[in-house]
N, C-alpha and C. Protein backbone atom coordinates (compact mmCIF):
# COMPACT_ATOMS: atom_id res chain seq x y z
N MET A 1 75.09 84.71 115.95
CA MET A 1 76.40 85.24 115.84
C MET A 1 77.35 84.48 116.75
N LYS A 2 78.50 84.14 116.23
CA LYS A 2 79.48 83.38 117.05
C LYS A 2 80.12 84.33 118.10
N THR A 3 80.37 83.75 119.19
CA THR A 3 81.04 84.58 120.28
C THR A 3 82.55 84.51 120.14
N GLU A 4 83.24 85.54 120.63
CA GLU A 4 84.68 85.62 120.71
C GLU A 4 85.41 85.60 119.37
N ILE A 5 84.72 85.87 118.22
CA ILE A 5 85.46 86.01 116.93
C ILE A 5 85.45 87.41 116.44
N HIS A 6 84.66 88.29 117.04
CA HIS A 6 84.55 89.67 116.60
C HIS A 6 85.51 90.54 117.34
N PRO A 7 86.08 91.56 116.75
CA PRO A 7 86.98 92.49 117.43
C PRO A 7 86.24 93.34 118.45
N GLN A 8 86.94 93.90 119.36
CA GLN A 8 86.36 94.85 120.34
C GLN A 8 85.86 96.09 119.60
N TYR A 9 84.62 96.51 119.90
CA TYR A 9 84.05 97.69 119.28
C TYR A 9 84.02 98.87 120.31
N TYR A 10 84.60 99.94 119.91
CA TYR A 10 84.66 101.14 120.76
C TYR A 10 83.64 102.16 120.26
N THR A 11 82.69 102.51 121.08
CA THR A 11 81.69 103.47 120.62
C THR A 11 82.19 104.88 120.71
N ASP A 12 83.28 105.13 121.40
CA ASP A 12 83.83 106.43 121.58
C ASP A 12 85.33 106.50 121.10
N ALA A 13 85.57 105.96 119.94
CA ALA A 13 86.89 106.05 119.37
C ALA A 13 87.24 107.48 119.01
N LYS A 14 88.45 107.90 119.35
CA LYS A 14 88.87 109.31 119.12
C LYS A 14 89.58 109.42 117.75
N VAL A 15 89.08 110.31 116.93
CA VAL A 15 89.70 110.55 115.62
C VAL A 15 90.43 111.91 115.70
N THR A 16 91.70 111.89 115.27
CA THR A 16 92.45 113.15 115.29
C THR A 16 92.98 113.39 113.89
N CYS A 17 92.65 114.59 113.35
CA CYS A 17 93.09 114.97 112.00
C CYS A 17 94.40 115.78 112.13
N SER A 18 95.18 115.82 111.02
CA SER A 18 96.39 116.58 111.01
C SER A 18 96.11 118.06 111.11
N CYS A 19 94.90 118.49 110.79
CA CYS A 19 94.56 119.96 110.89
C CYS A 19 94.33 120.34 112.32
N GLY A 20 94.14 119.37 113.24
CA GLY A 20 93.86 119.65 114.61
C GLY A 20 92.47 119.31 115.05
N ASN A 21 91.58 118.99 114.12
CA ASN A 21 90.18 118.67 114.36
C ASN A 21 90.12 117.36 115.12
N LYS A 22 89.27 117.26 116.15
CA LYS A 22 89.14 116.03 116.88
C LYS A 22 87.60 115.71 117.02
N PHE A 23 87.25 114.45 116.92
CA PHE A 23 85.88 114.02 117.08
C PHE A 23 85.85 112.56 117.43
N THR A 24 84.67 112.06 117.83
CA THR A 24 84.56 110.63 118.19
C THR A 24 83.63 109.94 117.19
N VAL A 25 83.93 108.67 116.99
CA VAL A 25 83.08 107.78 116.15
C VAL A 25 83.06 106.43 116.75
N GLY A 26 82.31 105.51 116.16
CA GLY A 26 82.34 104.10 116.61
C GLY A 26 83.36 103.36 115.69
N SER A 27 84.19 102.58 116.29
CA SER A 27 85.22 101.84 115.47
C SER A 27 85.78 100.72 116.28
N THR A 28 86.56 99.87 115.54
CA THR A 28 87.22 98.74 116.22
C THR A 28 88.62 99.16 116.70
N GLN A 29 89.02 100.35 116.40
CA GLN A 29 90.28 100.94 116.92
C GLN A 29 89.99 102.00 117.91
N LYS A 30 90.78 102.08 119.01
CA LYS A 30 90.53 103.03 120.05
C LYS A 30 90.86 104.46 119.61
N GLU A 31 91.95 104.64 118.86
CA GLU A 31 92.40 105.94 118.37
C GLU A 31 92.66 105.85 116.85
N ILE A 32 92.27 106.85 116.10
CA ILE A 32 92.46 106.87 114.69
C ILE A 32 93.08 108.22 114.31
N LYS A 33 94.14 108.19 113.52
CA LYS A 33 94.78 109.46 113.08
C LYS A 33 94.59 109.52 111.59
N VAL A 34 94.07 110.66 111.09
CA VAL A 34 93.81 110.80 109.69
C VAL A 34 94.52 112.09 109.18
N GLU A 35 94.76 112.14 107.88
CA GLU A 35 95.39 113.30 107.30
C GLU A 35 94.42 114.40 106.88
N ILE A 36 93.22 114.03 106.55
CA ILE A 36 92.28 114.97 106.08
C ILE A 36 90.87 114.58 106.58
N CYS A 37 90.11 115.59 106.93
CA CYS A 37 88.72 115.34 107.47
C CYS A 37 87.76 116.33 106.83
N SER A 38 86.51 116.26 107.22
CA SER A 38 85.49 117.16 106.63
C SER A 38 85.72 118.61 106.98
N ALA A 39 86.51 118.92 108.04
CA ALA A 39 86.79 120.30 108.44
C ALA A 39 87.84 120.93 107.55
N CYS A 40 88.70 120.14 106.94
CA CYS A 40 89.80 120.69 106.13
C CYS A 40 89.78 120.24 104.68
N HIS A 41 88.87 119.36 104.29
CA HIS A 41 88.86 118.86 102.94
C HIS A 41 88.26 119.98 102.03
N PRO A 42 88.85 120.27 100.89
CA PRO A 42 88.39 121.34 100.03
C PRO A 42 86.95 121.19 99.55
N PHE A 43 86.48 119.96 99.35
CA PHE A 43 85.10 119.77 98.91
C PHE A 43 84.10 120.23 99.96
N PHE A 44 84.35 119.94 101.20
CA PHE A 44 83.42 120.35 102.27
C PHE A 44 83.58 121.78 102.71
N THR A 45 84.77 122.38 102.54
CA THR A 45 84.96 123.71 102.97
C THR A 45 84.62 124.76 101.92
N GLY A 46 84.39 124.31 100.70
CA GLY A 46 84.02 125.23 99.62
C GLY A 46 85.18 125.87 98.88
N ASN A 47 86.40 125.42 99.20
CA ASN A 47 87.57 125.91 98.57
C ASN A 47 88.07 125.04 97.40
N GLU A 48 87.15 124.31 96.83
CA GLU A 48 87.46 123.35 95.79
C GLU A 48 87.94 124.09 94.54
N LYS A 49 88.97 123.68 93.93
CA LYS A 49 89.55 124.26 92.73
C LYS A 49 89.57 123.25 91.61
N VAL A 50 89.20 123.68 90.45
CA VAL A 50 89.29 122.83 89.27
C VAL A 50 90.57 123.21 88.56
N ILE A 51 91.48 122.30 88.46
CA ILE A 51 92.75 122.59 87.82
C ILE A 51 92.69 122.05 86.39
N ASP A 52 92.88 122.96 85.49
CA ASP A 52 92.89 122.58 84.04
C ASP A 52 94.30 122.53 83.57
N ALA A 53 94.86 121.32 83.59
CA ALA A 53 96.25 121.17 83.18
C ALA A 53 96.36 121.15 81.63
N ALA A 54 97.07 122.04 81.11
CA ALA A 54 97.36 122.07 79.68
C ALA A 54 96.15 122.25 78.82
N GLY A 55 95.06 122.93 79.30
CA GLY A 55 93.93 123.21 78.47
C GLY A 55 93.10 122.01 78.07
N ARG A 56 93.03 121.06 78.89
CA ARG A 56 92.28 119.82 78.57
C ARG A 56 90.83 120.05 78.39
N VAL A 57 90.24 120.90 79.19
CA VAL A 57 88.80 121.14 79.13
C VAL A 57 88.50 121.84 77.75
N GLU A 58 89.29 122.83 77.42
CA GLU A 58 89.05 123.53 76.13
C GLU A 58 89.23 122.61 74.94
N ARG A 59 90.24 121.72 74.96
CA ARG A 59 90.47 120.73 73.90
C ARG A 59 89.29 119.81 73.76
N PHE A 60 88.74 119.37 74.97
CA PHE A 60 87.58 118.48 74.94
C PHE A 60 86.39 119.17 74.36
N LYS A 61 86.10 120.39 74.75
CA LYS A 61 85.00 121.12 74.24
C LYS A 61 85.17 121.34 72.70
N ALA A 62 86.34 121.59 72.26
CA ALA A 62 86.61 121.82 70.79
C ALA A 62 86.36 120.48 70.02
N ARG A 63 86.82 119.34 70.58
CA ARG A 63 86.55 118.09 69.95
C ARG A 63 85.07 117.78 69.87
N LYS A 64 84.42 118.01 70.98
CA LYS A 64 82.95 117.79 71.02
C LYS A 64 82.23 118.66 70.01
N ALA A 65 82.59 119.90 69.90
CA ALA A 65 81.93 120.77 68.93
C ALA A 65 82.22 120.33 67.54
N ALA A 66 83.47 119.89 67.25
CA ALA A 66 83.82 119.39 65.92
C ALA A 66 83.04 118.09 65.64
N ALA A 67 82.92 117.20 66.58
CA ALA A 67 82.14 115.96 66.37
C ALA A 67 80.68 116.26 66.12
N THR A 68 80.13 117.21 66.81
CA THR A 68 78.70 117.55 66.61
C THR A 68 78.51 118.16 65.29
N LYS A 69 79.48 118.98 64.85
CA LYS A 69 79.40 119.60 63.57
C LYS A 69 79.48 118.60 62.41
N VAL A 70 80.37 117.61 62.58
CA VAL A 70 80.53 116.57 61.57
C VAL A 70 79.30 115.68 61.51
N SER A 71 78.72 115.36 62.66
CA SER A 71 77.55 114.45 62.65
C SER A 71 76.35 115.14 62.09
N LYS A 72 76.29 116.48 62.18
CA LYS A 72 75.11 117.18 61.58
C LYS A 72 75.30 117.23 60.07
N THR A 73 76.49 117.34 59.56
CA THR A 73 76.71 117.42 58.09
C THR A 73 76.52 116.03 57.45
N LYS A 74 76.67 114.94 58.13
CA LYS A 74 76.47 113.61 57.59
C LYS A 74 75.01 113.23 57.42
N LYS A 75 74.12 113.85 58.16
CA LYS A 75 72.67 113.47 58.13
C LYS A 75 72.00 113.98 56.89
């Protein structure tokens, strides 16, 4: 490995989330500010919502059922 070409590595870099959560990680930056972390992200907190805009899921299921029905009649 070449010397003096790699950035400084901080083993105790401080990460601050906009929700107020703070933790340390290893990074090439001393301080990191993030908008979302595992403490406030809906996937990790269990508050995940599936938004069905304009009935897309129902339309997909209807098209799938219709395609299955058509393919069975062609056989």
